[in-house]
C-alpha atoms as a PDB file:
ATOM      1  CA  MET A   1      41.372  33.185 -31.794  1.00  0.00           C
ATOM      2  CA  ARG A   2      38.511  31.213 -33.240  1.00  0.00           C
ATOM      3  CA  GLN A   3      35.143  31.903 -31.718  1.00  0.00           C
ATOM      4  CA  ARG A   4      33.127  29.030 -30.210  1.00  0.00           C
ATOM      5  CA  PRO A   5      30.253  28.105 -32.514  1.00  0.00           C
ATOM      6  CA  ARG A   6      27.060  29.742 -31.385  1.00  0.00           C
ATOM      7  CA  LEU A   7      25.076  26.518 -31.761  1.00  0.00           C
ATOM      8  CA  LEU A   8      27.062  24.685 -29.077  1.00  0.00           C
ATOM      9  CA  LEU A   9      25.111  25.999 -26.070  1.00  0.00           C
ATOM     10  CA  PRO A  10      21.674  25.462 -27.614  1.00  0.00           C
ATOM     11  CA  LEU A  11      22.671  21.935 -28.622  1.00  0.00           C
ATOM     12  CA  CYS A  12      23.856  21.202 -25.076  1.00  0.00           C
ATOM     13  CA  ALA A  13      20.582  22.515 -23.716  1.00  0.00           C
ATOM     14  CA  GLN A  14      18.656  20.321 -26.122  1.00  0.00           C
ATOM     15  CA  ALA A  15      20.691  17.276 -25.090  1.00  0.00           C
ATOM     16  CA  LEU A  16      20.011  17.979 -21.428  1.00  0.00           C
ATOM     17  CA  PHE A  17      16.296  18.362 -22.117  1.00  0.00           C
ATOM     18  CA  LEU A  18      16.187  15.037 -23.968  1.00  0.00           C
ATOM     19  CA  THR A  19      18.084  13.329 -21.172  1.00  0.00           C
ATOM     20  CA  LEU A  20      15.576  14.550 -18.604  1.00  0.00           C
ATOM     21  CA  ALA A  21      12.629  13.698 -20.824  1.00  0.00           C
ATOM     22  CA  LEU A  22      13.872  10.151 -21.335  1.00  0.00           C
ATOM     23  CA  ALA A  23      14.710   9.585 -17.671  1.00  0.00           C
ATOM     24  CA  PRO A  24      12.737   6.838 -15.886  1.00  0.00           C
ATOM     25  CA  SER A  25       9.236   7.963 -14.974  1.00  0.00           C
ATOM     26  CA  TYR A  26       9.796   6.939 -11.353  1.00  0.00           C
ATOM     27  CA  ALA A  27      12.572   9.455 -10.729  1.00  0.00           C
ATOM     28  CA  GLY A  28      12.075  11.752  -7.799  1.00  0.00           C
ATOM     29  CA  TYR A  29       9.891   9.545  -5.592  1.00  0.00           C
ATOM     30  CA  LYS A  30       9.384  11.265  -2.229  1.00  0.00           C
ATOM     31  CA  ALA A  31       8.215   9.457   0.890  1.00  0.00           C
ATOM     32  CA  ARG A  32       4.986  10.895   2.275  1.00  0.00           C
ATOM     33  CA  PRO A  33       4.032  10.764   5.950  1.00  0.00           C
ATOM     34  CA  TRP A  34       1.274   8.538   7.282  1.00  0.00           C
ATOM     35  CA  ASN A  35       0.061   8.149  10.853  1.00  0.00           C
ATOM     36  CA  PRO A  36      -2.948   6.298  12.312  1.00  0.00           C
ATOM     37  CA  ARG A  37      -5.957   8.442  13.169  1.00  0.00           C
ATOM     38  CA  PRO A  38      -8.135   8.065  16.291  1.00  0.00           C
ATOM     39  CA  VAL A  39     -10.018   4.785  16.420  1.00  0.00           C
ATOM     40  CA  ASP A  40     -13.475   6.399  16.069  1.00  0.00           C
ATOM     41  CA  SER A  41     -12.518   7.843  12.677  1.00  0.00           C
ATOM     42  CA  TYR A  42     -12.433   4.361  11.078  1.00  0.00           C
ATOM     43  CA  PRO A  43     -15.914   3.033  10.190  1.00  0.00           C
ATOM     44  CA  ALA A  44     -14.645  -0.501   9.440  1.00  0.00           C
ATOM     45  CA  ARG A  45     -13.318  -1.954  12.692  1.00  0.00           C
ATOM     46  CA  LEU A  46     -13.792  -4.789  15.144  1.00  0.00           C
ATOM     47  CA  THR A  47     -12.933  -5.238  18.833  1.00  0.00           C
ATOM     48  CA  SER A  48     -12.095  -8.509  20.557  1.00  0.00           C
ATOM     49  CA  GLU A  49      -9.991  -9.511  23.591  1.00  0.00           C
ATOM     50  CA  GLY A  50      -9.018  -5.926  24.281  1.00  0.00           C
ATOM     51  CA  VAL A  51      -7.798  -5.344  20.732  1.00  0.00           C
ATOM     52  CA  THR A  52      -9.452  -3.159  18.105  1.00  0.00           C
ATOM     53  CA  ILE A  53      -8.375  -3.543  14.494  1.00  0.00           C
ATOM     54  CA  ALA A  54      -9.516  -1.030  11.888  1.00  0.00           C
ATOM     55  CA  VAL A  55      -9.133  -1.329   8.128  1.00  0.00           C
ATOM     56  CA  GLU A  56      -9.249   1.326   5.436  1.00  0.00           C
ATOM     57  CA  PRO A  57      -8.904   0.558   1.708  1.00  0.00           C
ATOM     58  CA  LEU A  58      -7.357   3.296  -0.437  1.00  0.00           C
ATOM     59  CA  TYR A  59      -9.403   2.247  -3.443  1.00  0.00           C
ATOM     60  CA  ARG A  60      -8.825   5.284  -5.699  1.00  0.00           C
ATOM     61  CA  ASP A  61      -5.669   6.714  -7.190  1.00  0.00           C
ATOM     62  CA  ASP A  62      -6.123  10.063  -5.440  1.00  0.00           C
ATOM     63  CA  LEU A  63      -6.503   8.379  -2.053  1.00  0.00           C
ATOM     64  CA  ALA A  64      -3.448   6.166  -2.506  1.00  0.00           C
ATOM     65  CA  ALA A  65      -1.447   9.172  -3.705  1.00  0.00           C
ATOM     66  CA  GLN A  66      -1.916  10.858  -0.327  1.00  0.00           C
ATOM     67  CA  VAL A  67       0.313   8.174   1.196  1.00  0.00           C
ATOM     68  CA  PHE A  68       2.434   6.990  -1.737  1.00  0.00           C
ATOM     69  CA  ASP A  69       4.125   9.247  -4.299  1.00  0.00           C
ATOM     70  CA  LYS A  70       2.504   7.560  -7.302  1.00  0.00           C
ATOM     71  CA  ASP A  71      -0.547   9.050  -8.977  1.00  0.00           C
ATOM     72  CA  ASP A  72      -1.768   5.849 -10.679  1.00  0.00           C
ATOM     73  CA  MET A  73      -1.102   3.165  -8.077  1.00  0.00           C
ATOM     74  CA  VAL A  74      -4.618   1.680  -8.092  1.00  0.00           C
ATOM     75  CA  THR A  75      -4.860   1.953 -11.863  1.00  0.00           C
ATOM     76  CA  ARG A  76      -1.623  -0.008 -12.012  1.00  0.00           C
ATOM     77  CA  GLY A  77      -3.295  -2.821 -10.093  1.00  0.00           C
ATOM     78  CA  ILE A  78      -2.225  -2.201  -6.489  1.00  0.00           C
ATOM     79  CA  MET A  79      -4.656  -1.148  -3.748  1.00  0.00           C
ATOM     80  CA  PRO A  80      -3.092  -0.229  -0.390  1.00  0.00           C
ATOM     81  CA  LEU A  81      -5.157  -1.377   2.586  1.00  0.00           C
ATOM     82  CA  ALA A  82      -4.391   0.228   5.935  1.00  0.00           C
ATOM     83  CA  ILE A  83      -4.467  -2.043   8.992  1.00  0.00           C
ATOM     84  CA  ILE A  84      -4.540  -0.103  12.283  1.00  0.00           C
ATOM     85  CA  ILE A  85      -4.253  -1.811  15.662  1.00  0.00           C
ATOM     86  CA  PHE A  86      -5.359  -0.344  19.001  1.00  0.00           C
ATOM     87  CA  ASN A  87      -4.221  -2.380  22.013  1.00  0.00           C
ATOM     88  CA  ASP A  88      -6.070  -1.827  25.302  1.00  0.00           C
ATOM     89  CA  ASN A  89      -4.348  -4.718  27.066  1.00  0.00           C
ATOM     90  CA  ASP A  90      -1.567  -4.658  29.656  1.00  0.00           C
ATOM     91  CA  PHE A  91       0.616  -6.773  27.374  1.00  0.00           C
ATOM     92  CA  PRO A  92       1.975  -6.203  23.857  1.00  0.00           C
ATOM     93  CA  ILE A  93       0.482  -7.874  20.806  1.00  0.00           C
ATOM     94  CA  ARG A  94       1.896  -8.892  17.440  1.00  0.00           C
ATOM     95  CA  ILE A  95       0.189  -9.172  14.063  1.00  0.00           C
ATOM     96  CA  GLU A  96       1.649 -10.891  11.008  1.00  0.00           C
ATOM     97  CA  ALA A  97       0.736  -9.455   7.613  1.00  0.00           C
ATOM     98  CA  ASN A  98       1.621 -12.268   5.231  1.00  0.00           C
ATOM     99  CA  GLN A  99      -1.511 -14.355   5.846  1.00  0.00           C
ATOM    100  CA  ILE A 100      -3.960 -11.449   5.734  1.00  0.00           C
ATOM    101  CA  GLU A 101      -6.354 -11.661   2.809  1.00  0.00           C
ATOM    102  CA  ILE A 102      -9.511 -10.154   1.380  1.00  0.00           C
ATOM    103  CA  ILE A 103     -12.365 -12.622   1.032  1.00  0.00           C
ATOM    104  CA  ALA A 104     -15.238 -12.028  -1.392  1.00  0.00           C
ATOM    105  CA  GLY A 105     -17.420 -15.089  -1.802  1.00  0.00           C
ATOM    106  CA  ASP A 106     -15.101 -17.917  -2.856  1.00  0.00           C
ATOM    107  CA  GLU A 107     -12.344 -15.524  -3.929  1.00  0.00           C
ATOM    108  CA  HIS A 108      -9.338 -15.006  -1.674  1.00  0.00           C
ATOM    109  CA  VAL A 109      -6.998 -12.117  -2.494  1.00  0.00           C
ATOM    110  CA  HIS A 110      -3.620 -12.466  -0.829  1.00  0.00           C
ATOM    111  CA  THR A 111      -1.110  -9.925   0.385  1.00  0.00           C
ATOM    112  CA  LEU A 112       1.621  -8.911  -2.064  1.00  0.00           C
ATOM    113  CA  GLN A 113       5.201  -8.313  -0.996  1.00  0.00           C
ATOM    114  CA  PRO A 114       6.761  -4.822  -1.373  1.00  0.00           C
ATOM    115  CA  GLY A 115       9.093  -5.960  -4.152  1.00  0.00           C
ATOM    116  CA  GLU A 116       6.142  -7.260  -6.146  1.00  0.00           C
ATOM    117  CA  VAL A 117       4.331  -3.968  -5.608  1.00  0.00           C
ATOM    118  CA  VAL A 118       7.222  -1.895  -6.961  1.00  0.00           C
ATOM    119  CA  SER A 119       7.511  -4.224  -9.951  1.00  0.00           C
ATOM    120  CA  ARG A 120       3.834  -3.741 -10.730  1.00  0.00           C
ATOM    121  CA  ILE A 121       3.494   0.017 -10.303  1.00  0.00           C
ATOM    122  CA  TYR A 122       6.566   0.736 -12.432  1.00  0.00           C
ATOM    123  CA  GLN A 123       5.941  -1.898 -15.051  1.00  0.00           C
ATOM    124  CA  LYS A 124       5.947  -0.652 -18.619  1.00  0.00           C
ATOM    125  CA  GLY A 125       2.967  -1.182 -20.849  1.00  0.00           C
ATOM    126  CA  LYS A 126      -0.782  -0.909 -20.442  1.00  0.00           C
ATOM    127  CA  LYS A 127      -1.873   0.031 -16.954  1.00  0.00           C
ATOM    128  CA  ASN A 128      -5.056  -1.998 -16.871  1.00  0.00           C
ATOM    129  CA  VAL A 129      -3.549  -5.313 -17.970  1.00  0.00           C
ATOM    130  CA  TRP A 130      -2.826  -7.596 -15.006  1.00  0.00           C
ATOM    131  CA  ILE A 131      -0.113 -10.224 -15.335  1.00  0.00           C
ATOM    132  CA  PRO A 132      -1.225 -13.506 -13.722  1.00  0.00           C
ATOM    133  CA  GLN A 133       0.357 -14.494 -10.429  1.00  0.00           C
ATOM    134  CA  PRO A 134       3.088 -14.709  -9.472  1.00  0.00           C
ATOM    135  CA  ILE A 135       4.137 -11.181 -10.378  1.00  0.00           C
ATOM    136  CA  PRO A 136       7.798 -11.016 -11.430  1.00  0.00           C
ATOM    137  CA  ARG A 137       9.801  -9.868  -8.458  1.00  0.00           C
ATOM    138  CA  VAL A 138      11.532  -6.525  -8.725  1.00  0.00           C
ATOM    139  CA  PRO A 139      15.033  -6.971 -10.191  1.00  0.00           C
ATOM    140  CA  THR A 140      18.152  -5.977  -8.355  1.00  0.00           C
ATOM    141  CA  GLY A 141      20.541  -3.359  -9.624  1.00  0.00           C
ATOM    142  CA  GLY A 142      20.311   0.114 -11.042  1.00  0.00           C
ATOM    143  CA  GLY A 143      16.848  -0.330 -12.560  1.00  0.00           C
ATOM    144  CA  VAL A 144      15.091  -0.379  -9.207  1.00  0.00           C
ATOM    145  CA  ASN A 145      13.464   2.708  -7.740  1.00  0.00           C
ATOM    146  CA  GLN A 146      15.098   2.326  -4.352  1.00  0.00           C
ATOM    147  CA  ASP A 147      13.248   5.307  -2.843  1.00  0.00           C
ATOM    148  CA  ALA A 148       9.863   3.804  -3.714  1.00  0.00           C
ATOM    149  CA  LEU A 149      10.931   0.357  -2.541  1.00  0.00           C
ATOM    150  CA  SER A 150      12.191   1.710   0.777  1.00  0.00           C
ATOM    151  CA  ASP A 151       8.969   3.664   1.403  1.00  0.00           C
ATOM    152  CA  ILE A 152       6.664   0.794   0.447  1.00  0.00           C
ATOM    153  CA  GLU A 153       8.669  -1.621   2.606  1.00  0.00           C
ATOM    154  CA  TYR A 154       8.660   0.812   5.526  1.00  0.00           C
ATOM    155  CA  LYS A 155       4.868   1.208   5.368  1.00  0.00           C
ATOM    156  CA  PHE A 156       4.256  -2.528   4.932  1.00  0.00           C
ATOM    157  CA  LEU A 157       2.560  -3.991   8.017  1.00  0.00           C
ATOM    158  CA  GLY A 158       4.981  -6.906   8.132  1.00  0.00           C
ATOM    159  CA  SER A 159       5.389  -8.244  11.663  1.00  0.00           C
ATOM    160  CA  LYS A 160       3.899  -5.445  13.734  1.00  0.00           C
ATOM    161  CA  TYR A 161       4.300  -5.169  17.510  1.00  0.00           C
ATOM    162  CA  VAL A 162       1.955  -2.859  19.397  1.00  0.00           C
ATOM    163  CA  ASP A 163       2.789  -1.830  22.948  1.00  0.00           C
ATOM    164  CA  PRO A 164       0.347  -2.155  25.848  1.00  0.00           C
ATOM    165  CA  HIS A 165      -2.288   0.611  25.572  1.00  0.00           C
ATOM    166  CA  GLY A 166      -0.647   1.714  22.346  1.00  0.00           C
ATOM    167  CA  LYS A 167      -1.506   1.843  18.665  1.00  0.00           C
ATOM    168  CA  GLY A 168       0.294   1.076  15.451  1.00  0.00           C
ATOM    169  CA  GLY A 169      -0.328   0.032  11.918  1.00  0.00           C
ATOM    170  CA  GLY A 170       0.800  -0.265   8.358  1.00  0.00           C
ATOM    171  CA  PHE A 171      -0.370  -1.360   4.937  1.00  0.00           C
ATOM    172  CA  ILE A 172      -0.899  -4.533   3.042  1.00  0.00           C
ATOM    173  CA  TYR A 173      -1.013  -4.389  -0.754  1.00  0.00           C
ATOM    174  CA  VAL A 174      -3.568  -6.318  -2.793  1.00  0.00           C
ATOM    175  CA  HIS A 175      -4.707  -6.559  -6.392  1.00  0.00           C
ATOM    176  CA  PRO A 176      -8.272  -5.202  -6.646  1.00  0.00           C
ATOM    177  CA  PRO A 177     -10.698  -6.596  -9.230  1.00  0.00           C
ATOM    178  CA  SER A 178      -9.836  -5.666 -12.804  1.00  0.00           C
ATOM    179  CA  GLU A 179     -13.471  -5.489 -13.873  1.00  0.00           C
ATOM    180  CA  GLY A 180     -16.602  -4.070 -12.307  1.00  0.00           C
ATOM    181  CA  ASP A 181     -17.208  -1.488  -9.612  1.00  0.00           C
ATOM    182  CA  ILE A 182     -14.535  -1.636  -6.938  1.00  0.00           C
ATOM    183  CA  LEU A 183     -16.899  -0.152  -4.358  1.00  0.00           C
ATOM    184  CA  SER A 184     -19.432  -2.921  -4.975  1.00  0.00           C
ATOM    185  CA  TYR A 185     -16.643  -5.463  -4.648  1.00  0.00           C
ATOM    186  CA  LEU A 186     -15.418  -4.014  -1.363  1.00  0.00           C
ATOM    187  CA  SER A 187     -18.928  -3.699   0.053  1.00  0.00           C
ATOM    188  CA  ASN A 188     -19.270  -7.480  -0.295  1.00  0.00           C
ATOM    189  CA  SER A 189     -15.811  -8.291   1.035  1.00  0.00           C
ATOM    190  CA  ARG A 190     -14.146  -8.778   4.392  1.00  0.00           C
ATOM    191  CA  VAL A 191     -10.570  -8.711   5.628  1.00  0.00           C
ATOM    192  CA  TYR A 192      -9.382 -11.911   7.266  1.00  0.00           C
ATOM    193  CA  ILE A 193      -6.567 -11.478   9.821  1.00  0.00           C
ATOM    194  CA  PRO A 194      -5.618 -14.887  11.243  1.00  0.00           C
ATOM    195  CA  ASP A 195      -2.257 -14.274  12.928  1.00  0.00           C
ATOM    196  CA  VAL A 196      -2.755 -12.227  16.092  1.00  0.00           C
ATOM    197  CA  PHE A 197      -0.511 -13.127  19.043  1.00  0.00           C
ATOM    198  CA  ARG A 198       0.268 -11.997  22.560  1.00  0.00           C
ATOM    199  CA  GLY A 199       3.683 -10.378  22.523  1.00  0.00           C
ATOM    200  CA  ASP A 200       4.673 -11.704  25.941  1.00  0.00           C
ATOM    201  CA  THR A 201       3.631 -15.374  25.882  1.00  0.00           C
ATOM    202  CA  ARG A 202       3.380 -15.759  22.072  1.00  0.00           C
ATOM    203  CA  ALA A 203      -0.037 -17.333  22.559  1.00  0.00           C
ATOM    204  CA  ARG A 204      -2.380 -17.071  19.595  1.00  0.00           C
ATOM    205  CA  MET A 205      -5.381 -14.803  20.051  1.00  0.00           C
ATOM    206  CA  ILE A 206      -8.694 -14.897  18.223  1.00  0.00           C
ATOM    207  CA  PHE A 207      -8.677 -14.170  14.494  1.00  0.00           C
ATOM    208  CA  PHE A 208     -10.423 -11.113  13.032  1.00  0.00           C
ATOM    209  CA  GLU A 209     -12.850 -10.888  10.118  1.00  0.00           C
ATOM    210  CA  ILE A 210     -13.736  -7.281   9.389  1.00  0.00           C
ATOM    211  CA  GLU A 211     -16.435  -6.265   6.920  1.00  0.00           C
ATOM    212  CA  LEU A 212     -15.278  -3.631   4.440  1.00  0.00           C
ATOM    213  CA  LYS A 213     -18.767  -2.330   3.677  1.00  0.00           C
ATOM    214  CA  PRO A 214     -18.671   0.395   6.394  1.00  0.00           C
ATOM    215  CA  ALA A 215     -15.531   1.813   4.765  1.00  0.00           C
ATOM    216  CA  THR A 216     -17.431   2.259   1.485  1.00  0.00           C
ATOM    217  CA  GLU A 217     -20.590   3.826   2.907  1.00  0.00           C
ATOM    218  CA  LYS A 218     -18.830   7.046   3.870  1.00  0.00           C
ATOM    219  CA  PRO A 219     -16.801   8.137   0.822  1.00  0.00           C
ATOM    220  CA  LEU A 220     -13.190   8.943   1.580  1.00  0.00           C
ATOM    221  CA  VAL A 221     -12.205  12.519   0.798  1.00  0.00           C
ATOM    222  CA  PRO A 222      -8.574  13.357  -0.066  1.00  0.00           C
ATOM    223  CA  GLN A 223      -6.930  15.560   2.519  1.00  0.00           C
ATOM    224  CA  ARG A 224      -5.837  18.998   1.396  1.00  0.00           C
END
């Protein structure tokens, strides 16, 4: 009986190693938990008509990575911005995410959709080169990181209902400035939230404009 060549196993091992090495860099995305903190823990917040809305920009890669399993999300051009709603009323409220924007002087930065976010953070090429709007939407099929897309969609603020005397929240995703100090940019910016409604009568409530400067004055520390 002929013996199996001794090189077969090492060659198989090498092939497996190359396969793993050449696998897409987004393999193995794991959803990470996120829950709103108590209202007093958010420096940037505003109260009106029995509703308090707090905002918290995750403006560094290490901060974004606490919530999203991607260690270069901000470098890739996507800054998650948490929107947390505290409802002290006896009726539910609803907030729509799509019209929320960051305003800095004459510049208005609009909310990106989850598919656009996934397309950006897994785009090949230089990390610090921003493709002008609109960003190509994420393709369908086997090339999509479905785990990342599901997590980013799940955490997207979308159309958020908050129960009476309850709290809730989610994220919008924006493109931060490509040049300059992001902290200086945020300290001169505000979040504009126009679409706030009563959940029972559907009546529009007052809009919110929340200064981001308080969120930059106390540096965020990654949780351990």
